[in-house]
Amino acid sequence: MQAVSRAATRYDLTTIWFHWLTLALVTEQWIGAQLIDLFTSGSPRVAARSVHIVLGVLLVLLLVGRISWRLTRGRRLPEADGWPLNLAATAAQLGLYALLIGMVGSGLALSWARGDSIFGLVSIPAYEPGNRALVRSVKGVHSFLAWAILILGGVHGAAALAHHFVWRDGVLARMWR
């Protein structure tokens, strides 16, 4: 049996950074979205929504970079478990990618559906001004995807902790530097 180098048992540093930055930004976006509704109108609401939109665009860029890196240069590690757990892990990862793509897409669609102002500097015109049903519908999709990411991400995190504390198989360590 060949010895595997320590580096080959972990993801590359860029993949690790993409992973943890995505987690941090998604967490911030969820918390920020909950805080927007504390402001009923005026400058504070515009500022809170502007921050949410700008960070959403940053999430788009991060996601594009992350997927590009994964498809081209990211380190591929051997599967760590038997096929049922590998299938579940793959499904969760692909599900999170799909939900994130849907989330940023629906966020962009929401800004366009209702029209927005970003810090009063940039104006996004409304697709169909006054169409509250469209805005509610797109906002509902955006909200549903946020909760789905929160739930699936929580399951993903719980599985990582189970690997670390219950099975002690080193899977979580693969995502640490």
C-alpha atoms as a PDB file:
ATOM      1  CA  MET A   1       0.000   0.000   0.000  1.00  0.00           C
ATOM      2  CA  GLN A   2       1.421   3.383  -0.992  1.00  0.00           C
ATOM      3  CA  ALA A   3       1.775   6.134   1.541  1.00  0.00           C
ATOM      4  CA  VAL A   4      -0.435   9.130   0.800  1.00  0.00           C
ATOM      5  CA  SER A   5       1.135  12.527   1.388  1.00  0.00           C
ATOM      6  CA  ARG A   6      -0.475  14.763   4.002  1.00  0.00           C
ATOM      7  CA  ALA A   7      -1.293  17.347   1.310  1.00  0.00           C
ATOM      8  CA  ALA A   8      -3.206  14.762  -0.733  1.00  0.00           C
ATOM      9  CA  THR A   9      -5.532  14.095   2.207  1.00  0.00           C
ATOM     10  CA  ARG A  10      -6.746  17.692   2.266  1.00  0.00           C
ATOM     11  CA  TYR A  11      -8.329  20.007  -0.234  1.00  0.00           C
ATOM     12  CA  ASP A  12      -6.120  22.678  -1.742  1.00  0.00           C
ATOM     13  CA  LEU A  13      -5.977  26.033   0.010  1.00  0.00           C
ATOM     14  CA  THR A  14      -8.056  27.822  -2.653  1.00  0.00           C
ATOM     15  CA  THR A  15     -10.885  25.279  -2.333  1.00  0.00           C
ATOM     16  CA  ILE A  16     -10.776  25.611   1.452  1.00  0.00           C
ATOM     17  CA  TRP A  17     -10.957  29.404   1.228  1.00  0.00           C
ATOM     18  CA  PHE A  18     -13.855  29.245  -1.250  1.00  0.00           C
ATOM     19  CA  HIS A  19     -15.717  26.870   1.085  1.00  0.00           C
ATOM     20  CA  TRP A  20     -15.379  28.954   4.250  1.00  0.00           C
ATOM     21  CA  LEU A  21     -15.915  32.311   2.494  1.00  0.00           C
ATOM     22  CA  THR A  22     -19.114  30.933   0.964  1.00  0.00           C
ATOM     23  CA  LEU A  23     -20.301  29.807   4.399  1.00  0.00           C
ATOM     24  CA  ALA A  24     -19.472  33.199   5.936  1.00  0.00           C
ATOM     25  CA  LEU A  25     -21.150  35.166   3.150  1.00  0.00           C
ATOM     26  CA  VAL A  26     -24.275  32.982   3.048  1.00  0.00           C
ATOM     27  CA  THR A  27     -24.582  33.265   6.841  1.00  0.00           C
ATOM     28  CA  GLU A  28     -24.166  37.035   6.707  1.00  0.00           C
ATOM     29  CA  GLN A  29     -26.692  37.309   3.879  1.00  0.00           C
ATOM     30  CA  TRP A  30     -29.287  35.313   5.800  1.00  0.00           C
ATOM     31  CA  ILE A  31     -28.818  37.381   8.963  1.00  0.00           C
ATOM     32  CA  GLY A  32     -28.773  40.609   6.940  1.00  0.00           C
ATOM     33  CA  ALA A  33     -32.017  39.660   5.198  1.00  0.00           C
ATOM     34  CA  GLN A  34     -33.684  39.158   8.576  1.00  0.00           C
ATOM     35  CA  LEU A  35     -32.530  42.619   9.695  1.00  0.00           C
ATOM     36  CA  ILE A  36     -33.777  44.475   6.592  1.00  0.00           C
ATOM     37  CA  ASP A  37     -37.377  44.168   7.773  1.00  0.00           C
ATOM     38  CA  LEU A  38     -36.520  45.955  11.021  1.00  0.00           C
ATOM     39  CA  PHE A  39     -36.335  49.134   8.940  1.00  0.00           C
ATOM     40  CA  THR A  40     -39.757  50.151   7.682  1.00  0.00           C
ATOM     41  CA  SER A  41     -38.675  52.799   5.188  1.00  0.00           C
ATOM     42  CA  GLY A  42     -36.219  55.537   4.364  1.00  0.00           C
ATOM     43  CA  SER A  43     -32.444  55.656   4.239  1.00  0.00           C
ATOM     44  CA  PRO A  44     -31.736  52.883   6.782  1.00  0.00           C
ATOM     45  CA  ARG A  45     -33.878  50.407   4.805  1.00  0.00           C
ATOM     46  CA  VAL A  46     -32.280  51.455   1.497  1.00  0.00           C
ATOM     47  CA  ALA A  47     -28.828  51.088   3.060  1.00  0.00           C
ATOM     48  CA  ALA A  48     -29.608  47.654   4.547  1.00  0.00           C
ATOM     49  CA  ARG A  49     -31.058  46.413   1.264  1.00  0.00           C
ATOM     50  CA  SER A  50     -28.146  47.950  -0.657  1.00  0.00           C
ATOM     51  CA  VAL A  51     -25.634  46.085   1.490  1.00  0.00           C
ATOM     52  CA  HIS A  52     -27.623  42.883   0.924  1.00  0.00           C
ATOM     53  CA  ILE A  53     -27.634  43.412  -2.856  1.00  0.00           C
ATOM     54  CA  VAL A  54     -23.927  44.298  -3.061  1.00  0.00           C
ATOM     55  CA  LEU A  55     -22.975  41.269  -0.968  1.00  0.00           C
ATOM     56  CA  GLY A  56     -25.316  39.170  -3.116  1.00  0.00           C
ATOM     57  CA  VAL A  57     -23.362  40.267  -6.196  1.00  0.00           C
ATOM     58  CA  LEU A  58     -20.158  39.385  -4.328  1.00  0.00           C
ATOM     59  CA  LEU A  59     -21.689  35.953  -3.660  1.00  0.00           C
ATOM     60  CA  VAL A  60     -22.339  35.588  -7.415  1.00  0.00           C
ATOM     61  CA  LEU A  61     -18.665  36.312  -8.115  1.00  0.00           C
ATOM     62  CA  LEU A  62     -17.538  33.952  -5.358  1.00  0.00           C
ATOM     63  CA  LEU A  63     -19.808  31.207  -6.661  1.00  0.00           C
ATOM     64  CA  VAL A  64     -18.560  31.633 -10.247  1.00  0.00           C
ATOM     65  CA  GLY A  65     -14.973  31.499  -8.996  1.00  0.00           C
ATOM     66  CA  ARG A  66     -15.672  28.505  -6.805  1.00  0.00           C
ATOM     67  CA  ILE A  67     -17.384  26.477  -9.535  1.00  0.00           C
ATOM     68  CA  SER A  68     -14.694  27.421 -12.078  1.00  0.00           C
ATOM     69  CA  TRP A  69     -11.969  26.400  -9.660  1.00  0.00           C
ATOM     70  CA  ARG A  70     -13.702  23.121  -8.837  1.00  0.00           C
ATOM     71  CA  LEU A  71     -14.132  22.239 -12.514  1.00  0.00           C
ATOM     72  CA  THR A  72     -10.602  23.148 -13.571  1.00  0.00           C
ATOM     73  CA  ARG A  73      -7.981  23.101 -10.842  1.00  0.00           C
ATOM     74  CA  GLY A  74      -9.508  22.084  -7.514  1.00  0.00           C
ATOM     75  CA  ARG A  75      -8.006  19.031  -5.848  1.00  0.00           C
ATOM     76  CA  ARG A  76     -10.029  15.833  -6.162  1.00  0.00           C
ATOM     77  CA  LEU A  77      -9.807  13.602  -3.126  1.00  0.00           C
ATOM     78  CA  PRO A  78     -10.588   9.904  -3.009  1.00  0.00           C
ATOM     79  CA  GLU A  79     -13.993   9.031  -1.625  1.00  0.00           C
ATOM     80  CA  ALA A  80     -13.858   8.514   2.106  1.00  0.00           C
ATOM     81  CA  ASP A  81     -16.925   6.360   2.782  1.00  0.00           C
ATOM     82  CA  GLY A  82     -18.957   3.549   1.326  1.00  0.00           C
ATOM     83  CA  TRP A  83     -21.316   4.258  -1.557  1.00  0.00           C
ATOM     84  CA  PRO A  84     -24.428   5.238   0.472  1.00  0.00           C
ATOM     85  CA  LEU A  85     -22.614   8.023   2.335  1.00  0.00           C
ATOM     86  CA  ASN A  86     -20.749   9.101  -0.811  1.00  0.00           C
ATOM     87  CA  LEU A  87     -24.025   9.312  -2.674  1.00  0.00           C
ATOM     88  CA  ALA A  88     -25.553  11.374   0.142  1.00  0.00           C
ATOM     89  CA  ALA A  89     -22.488  13.661   0.285  1.00  0.00           C
ATOM     90  CA  THR A  90     -22.493  14.178  -3.478  1.00  0.00           C
ATOM     91  CA  ALA A  91     -26.235  14.859  -3.503  1.00  0.00           C
ATOM     92  CA  ALA A  92     -25.845  17.390  -0.669  1.00  0.00           C
ATOM     93  CA  GLN A  93     -22.947  19.173  -2.400  1.00  0.00           C
ATOM     94  CA  LEU A  94     -24.733  19.340  -5.739  1.00  0.00           C
ATOM     95  CA  GLY A  95     -27.912  20.386  -3.946  1.00  0.00           C
ATOM     96  CA  LEU A  96     -26.102  23.224  -2.199  1.00  0.00           C
ATOM     97  CA  TYR A  97     -24.590  24.396  -5.485  1.00  0.00           C
ATOM     98  CA  ALA A  98     -28.016  24.279  -7.172  1.00  0.00           C
ATOM     99  CA  LEU A  99     -29.665  26.123  -4.283  1.00  0.00           C
ATOM    100  CA  LEU A 100     -26.938  28.784  -4.264  1.00  0.00           C
ATOM    101  CA  ILE A 101     -27.295  29.319  -8.009  1.00  0.00           C
ATOM    102  CA  GLY A 102     -31.068  29.562  -7.594  1.00  0.00           C
ATOM    103  CA  MET A 103     -30.641  31.898  -4.644  1.00  0.00           C
ATOM    104  CA  VAL A 104     -28.419  34.407  -6.425  1.00  0.00           C
ATOM    105  CA  GLY A 105     -30.570  34.159  -9.554  1.00  0.00           C
ATOM    106  CA  SER A 106     -33.773  34.805  -7.625  1.00  0.00           C
ATOM    107  CA  GLY A 107     -32.075  37.648  -5.738  1.00  0.00           C
ATOM    108  CA  LEU A 108     -31.135  39.337  -8.995  1.00  0.00           C
ATOM    109  CA  ALA A 109     -34.653  38.706 -10.294  1.00  0.00           C
ATOM    110  CA  LEU A 110     -36.125  40.219  -7.113  1.00  0.00           C
ATOM    111  CA  SER A 111     -34.081  43.403  -7.493  1.00  0.00           C
ATOM    112  CA  TRP A 112     -35.277  43.678 -11.060  1.00  0.00           C
ATOM    113  CA  ALA A 113     -38.922  42.794 -10.278  1.00  0.00           C
ATOM    114  CA  ARG A 114     -39.358  45.456  -7.602  1.00  0.00           C
ATOM    115  CA  GLY A 115     -36.743  47.935  -8.766  1.00  0.00           C
ATOM    116  CA  ASP A 116     -34.058  49.006  -6.331  1.00  0.00           C
ATOM    117  CA  SER A 117     -31.692  51.767  -5.465  1.00  0.00           C
ATOM    118  CA  ILE A 118     -28.195  50.849  -4.373  1.00  0.00           C
ATOM    119  CA  PHE A 119     -27.102  53.454  -1.827  1.00  0.00           C
ATOM    120  CA  GLY A 120     -28.964  56.050  -3.907  1.00  0.00           C
ATOM    121  CA  LEU A 121     -26.137  55.847  -6.460  1.00  0.00           C
ATOM    122  CA  VAL A 122     -27.359  53.181  -8.849  1.00  0.00           C
ATOM    123  CA  SER A 123     -30.949  52.634  -9.807  1.00  0.00           C
ATOM    124  CA  ILE A 124     -32.328  49.301 -10.967  1.00  0.00           C
ATOM    125  CA  PRO A 125     -35.580  49.964 -12.814  1.00  0.00           C
ATOM    126  CA  ALA A 126     -38.591  47.798 -12.010  1.00  0.00           C
ATOM    127  CA  TYR A 127     -39.421  45.195 -14.644  1.00  0.00           C
ATOM    128  CA  GLU A 128     -43.137  45.874 -14.352  1.00  0.00           C
ATOM    129  CA  PRO A 129     -43.735  48.770 -11.954  1.00  0.00           C
ATOM    130  CA  GLY A 130     -46.618  48.226  -9.567  1.00  0.00           C
ATOM    131  CA  ASN A 131     -46.850  44.466 -10.120  1.00  0.00           C
ATOM    132  CA  ARG A 132     -46.917  43.470  -6.453  1.00  0.00           C
ATOM    133  CA  ALA A 133     -47.939  39.895  -7.271  1.00  0.00           C
ATOM    134  CA  LEU A 134     -44.738  39.402  -9.271  1.00  0.00           C
ATOM    135  CA  VAL A 135     -42.623  40.857  -6.474  1.00  0.00           C
ATOM    136  CA  ARG A 136     -44.353  38.637  -3.861  1.00  0.00           C
ATOM    137  CA  SER A 137     -43.867  35.573  -6.053  1.00  0.00           C
ATOM    138  CA  VAL A 138     -40.162  36.174  -6.680  1.00  0.00           C
ATOM    139  CA  LYS A 139     -39.613  37.121  -3.026  1.00  0.00           C
ATOM    140  CA  GLY A 140     -41.335  33.866  -2.006  1.00  0.00           C
ATOM    141  CA  VAL A 141     -38.967  31.838  -4.190  1.00  0.00           C
ATOM    142  CA  HIS A 142     -35.975  33.752  -2.817  1.00  0.00           C
ATOM    143  CA  SER A 143     -37.123  33.155   0.761  1.00  0.00           C
ATOM    144  CA  PHE A 144     -37.828  29.464   0.146  1.00  0.00           C
ATOM    145  CA  LEU A 145     -34.342  28.973  -1.300  1.00  0.00           C
ATOM    146  CA  ALA A 146     -32.788  30.792   1.675  1.00  0.00           C
ATOM    147  CA  TRP A 147     -34.476  28.401   4.095  1.00  0.00           C
ATOM    148  CA  ALA A 148     -33.576  25.395   1.941  1.00  0.00           C
ATOM    149  CA  ILE A 149     -29.903  26.453   1.974  1.00  0.00           C
ATOM    150  CA  LEU A 150     -30.063  26.951   5.728  1.00  0.00           C
ATOM    151  CA  ILE A 151     -31.536  23.469   6.257  1.00  0.00           C
ATOM    152  CA  LEU A 152     -29.326  21.585   3.785  1.00  0.00           C
ATOM    153  CA  GLY A 153     -26.266  23.520   4.954  1.00  0.00           C
ATOM    154  CA  GLY A 154     -27.139  22.583   8.534  1.00  0.00           C
ATOM    155  CA  VAL A 155     -27.396  18.912   7.566  1.00  0.00           C
ATOM    156  CA  HIS A 156     -24.050  19.232   5.740  1.00  0.00           C
ATOM    157  CA  GLY A 157     -22.451  20.786   8.833  1.00  0.00           C
ATOM    158  CA  ALA A 158     -23.979  18.180  11.148  1.00  0.00           C
ATOM    159  CA  ALA A 159     -22.636  15.400   8.917  1.00  0.00           C
ATOM    160  CA  ALA A 160     -19.165  16.984   9.023  1.00  0.00           C
ATOM    161  CA  LEU A 161     -19.330  17.107  12.832  1.00  0.00           C
ATOM    162  CA  ALA A 162     -20.487  13.465  12.955  1.00  0.00           C
ATOM    163  CA  HIS A 163     -17.496  12.491  10.826  1.00  0.00           C
ATOM    164  CA  HIS A 164     -15.223  14.365  13.207  1.00  0.00           C
ATOM    165  CA  PHE A 165     -16.637  13.473  16.619  1.00  0.00           C
ATOM    166  CA  VAL A 166     -18.459  10.165  16.074  1.00  0.00           C
ATOM    167  CA  TRP A 167     -16.674   8.338  13.264  1.00  0.00           C
ATOM    168  CA  ARG A 168     -13.310  10.106  13.741  1.00  0.00           C
ATOM    169  CA  ASP A 169     -12.448   9.417  10.109  1.00  0.00           C
ATOM    170  CA  GLY A 170     -10.675  12.668   9.182  1.00  0.00           C
ATOM    171  CA  VAL A 171     -13.299  13.847   6.674  1.00  0.00           C
ATOM    172  CA  LEU A 172     -13.762  17.234   8.375  1.00  0.00           C
ATOM    173  CA  ALA A 173      -9.982  17.713   8.567  1.00  0.00           C
ATOM    174  CA  ARG A 174      -9.869  17.617   4.759  1.00  0.00           C
ATOM    175  CA  MET A 175     -11.458  21.075   4.733  1.00  0.00           C
ATOM    176  CA  TRP A 176      -8.977  22.585   7.227  1.00  0.00           C
ATOM    177  CA  ARG A 177      -5.616  24.021   6.263  1.00  0.00           C
END
